[in-house]
Protein backbone atom coordinates (compact mmCIF):
# COMPACT_ATOMS: atom_id res chain seq x y z
CA MET A 1 0.32 0.01 0.09
CA LYS A 2 1.30 3.96 -0.65
CA ILE A 3 1.16 5.80 1.92
CA LYS A 4 0.46 9.40 0.55
CA ILE A 5 1.47 12.23 3.05
CA ILE A 6 0.49 15.58 1.07
CA ALA A 7 1.70 18.40 3.36
CA VAL A 8 1.40 22.39 2.95
CA GLY A 9 5.51 23.78 3.20
CA SER A 10 8.85 23.03 2.07
CA LYS A 11 12.37 24.29 3.05
CA MET A 12 11.98 22.53 6.01
CA PRO A 13 14.86 21.86 9.15
CA GLY A 14 17.45 19.60 8.38
CA TRP A 15 16.24 18.28 11.35
CA VAL A 16 13.31 17.11 9.94
CA SER A 17 14.18 16.08 7.25
CA GLN A 18 16.02 13.33 9.64
CA GLY A 19 13.66 13.02 11.63
CA TYR A 20 10.67 11.89 8.86
CA ASN A 21 13.62 9.93 6.63
CA GLU A 22 14.98 7.96 9.63
CA TYR A 23 11.20 6.69 10.41
CA ALA A 24 10.41 6.43 6.79
CA LYS A 25 13.07 4.21 5.61
CA ARG A 26 11.67 1.68 8.79
CA LEU A 27 8.31 1.13 6.60
CA PRO A 28 8.78 -1.94 4.69
CA PRO A 29 8.49 -2.20 1.20
CA GLU A 30 5.08 -2.54 0.81
CA LEU A 31 4.02 0.75 3.09
CA LYS A 32 5.69 2.43 1.05
CA LEU A 33 5.99 6.65 2.60
CA GLU A 34 5.89 9.08 -0.21
CA LEU A 35 5.89 12.87 1.04
CA VAL A 36 4.08 15.43 -1.36
CA GLU A 37 5.41 19.05 -0.22
CA LEU A 38 3.11 21.52 -1.28
CA PRO A 39 4.11 25.23 -1.41
CA LEU A 40 2.59 27.79 0.83
CA GLY A 41 0.21 30.37 -0.47
CA PRO A 42 0.39 34.15 -0.83
CA ARG A 43 0.15 35.74 2.90
CA GLY A 44 1.23 38.86 3.87
CA LYS A 45 0.37 42.45 4.47
CA GLY A 46 -2.74 42.95 2.77
CA LEU A 47 -3.63 39.35 1.04
CA ASP A 48 -6.91 37.46 1.16
CA VAL A 49 -5.71 34.40 3.61
CA ALA A 50 -8.99 32.77 2.81
CA ARG A 51 -7.05 32.44 -0.96
CA ALA A 52 -4.19 31.17 -0.47
CA VAL A 53 -5.49 28.66 1.47
CA ALA A 54 -7.92 28.21 -1.64
CA ARG A 55 -5.20 27.53 -3.84
CA GLU A 56 -2.74 25.12 -1.02
CA GLY A 57 -6.41 22.68 -1.21
CA GLU A 58 -7.24 22.75 -4.69
CA ASN A 59 -2.80 21.83 -5.09
CA MET A 60 -3.21 19.44 -2.53
CA LEU A 61 -6.66 17.77 -4.81
CA ARG A 62 -4.26 17.41 -7.74
CA HIS A 63 -2.23 14.52 -5.93
CA ILE A 64 -5.40 13.01 -4.69
CA HIS A 65 -6.30 9.92 -7.38
CA PRO A 66 -10.36 9.14 -6.97
CA ARG A 67 -9.81 5.63 -5.16
CA ASP A 68 -7.74 7.20 -2.21
CA HIS A 69 -8.54 6.72 0.90
CA VAL A 70 -8.37 10.32 2.22
CA VAL A 71 -7.73 11.31 5.97
CA ALA A 72 -7.85 14.92 6.97
CA LEU A 73 -5.55 16.03 10.14
CA ASP A 74 -7.35 17.72 11.80
CA VAL A 75 -7.88 19.72 15.11
CA LYS A 76 -11.40 18.62 15.10
CA GLY A 77 -11.20 15.51 14.21
CA ASN A 78 -11.12 11.88 16.21
CA PRO A 79 -8.57 11.58 18.74
CA TRP A 80 -6.68 7.82 17.92
CA ALA A 81 -4.91 6.46 20.63
CA THR A 82 -1.47 4.10 19.15
CA GLU A 83 -3.46 0.94 19.41
CA LYS A 84 -5.94 2.67 17.53
CA LEU A 85 -4.50 3.36 14.70
CA ALA A 86 -2.60 0.25 14.48
CA GLU A 87 -6.24 -0.76 13.87
CA GLN A 88 -6.66 1.49 11.02
CA LEU A 89 -3.74 1.06 9.58
CA SER A 90 -4.92 -2.69 8.95
CA CYS A 91 -7.99 -1.67 7.31
CA TRP A 92 -6.39 0.45 5.44
CA GLN A 93 -4.47 -2.05 4.20
CA SER A 94 -6.98 -4.77 3.56
CA SER A 95 -8.98 -2.13 1.10
CA GLY A 96 -6.23 -2.00 -1.55
CA ASP A 97 -6.81 1.26 -2.56
CA GLY A 98 -3.83 4.06 -1.72
CA LEU A 99 -4.01 6.00 1.85
CA CYS A 100 -3.12 10.12 1.59
CA LEU A 101 -2.91 11.75 4.83
CA LEU A 102 -3.23 15.41 4.38
CA ILE A 103 -1.61 18.24 6.58
CA GLY A 104 -2.69 21.76 6.34
CA GLY A 105 -0.63 25.40 6.49
CA PRO A 106 -0.70 27.71 8.90
CA ASP A 107 -4.04 28.12 9.31
CA GLY A 108 -5.65 24.33 8.24
CA LEU A 109 -7.01 23.09 5.25
CA ALA A 110 -8.97 24.48 2.77
CA THR A 111 -13.19 23.46 3.13
CA PRO A 112 -13.16 21.24 -0.22
CA CYS A 113 -10.16 18.96 0.97
CA LEU A 114 -11.89 19.01 4.41
CA GLY A 115 -15.26 17.82 2.20
CA ARG A 116 -12.86 15.22 0.07
CA ALA A 117 -11.42 13.11 3.36
CA ASN A 118 -13.40 9.85 4.25
CA GLU A 119 -11.98 10.11 8.01
CA ARG A 120 -10.75 13.58 10.10
CA TRP A 121 -7.89 12.78 12.90
CA SER A 122 -6.52 14.41 15.13
CA LEU A 123 -3.04 14.42 16.37
CA SER A 124 -3.39 16.35 19.38
CA THR A 125 -5.61 19.03 20.96
CA LEU A 126 -2.23 21.20 21.28
CA THR A 127 -1.58 23.32 18.87
CA LEU A 128 1.90 21.47 16.61
CA PRO A 129 3.79 23.14 14.81
CA HIS A 130 3.84 22.05 11.16
CA PRO A 131 6.87 20.52 10.54
CA LEU A 132 6.72 18.51 13.29
CA VAL A 133 3.26 16.59 12.94
CA ARG A 134 5.72 15.31 9.40
CA VAL A 135 8.00 13.05 12.09
CA LEU A 136 5.16 12.32 14.35
CA LEU A 137 3.24 10.87 11.74
CA ALA A 138 6.02 9.01 10.20
CA GLU A 139 6.52 7.77 13.76
CA GLN A 140 3.29 7.36 14.49
CA LEU A 141 2.24 5.46 11.55
CA TYR A 142 6.13 3.09 11.72
CA ARG A 143 4.58 2.55 15.45
CA ALA A 144 1.42 0.83 14.39
CA TRP A 145 3.04 -1.45 11.85
CA THR A 146 4.93 -2.16 14.31
CA ILE A 147 1.58 -3.75 16.58
CA ASN A 148 0.94 -4.79 13.61
CA VAL A 149 3.11 -7.86 13.11
CA GLY A 150 3.96 -8.17 16.84
CA HIS A 151 7.58 -6.42 16.42
CA PRO A 152 8.53 -4.57 20.14
CA TYR A 153 9.21 -1.18 19.23
CA HIS A 154 5.29 -0.34 20.97
CA LYS A 155 6.56 -1.96 23.89
């Protein structure tokens, strides 16, 4: 199964790439993790934030195939314990479809992206820096996989 993380923002600090890559390479070939980085919409004095978010959303939607199962990372989504994520991962793998995980920019996800999502997942009620979310997400996917295969990493 291909897992695609579609994230707004590029030019991440080195620690983000290092952390993300560490967990991505630990996943087995049958759980190929791909990161798609999209440019942040223009923001600044006199610029419309809603237009920037809409542009980010349009770019995200271009990377989603019609059969993909889409999970929007959203603070208003359902909180999942790691064990629940492991169950979800197993179900997603069984479906045979691709999986897209959406990480919005500083102003969240565009409404059409939330509408396209099959599920909404909240990593935390805390406000997390978006670069950190990539690392956390990759680690949690790896941890969920280790639970499913009985690997001792989770213990």
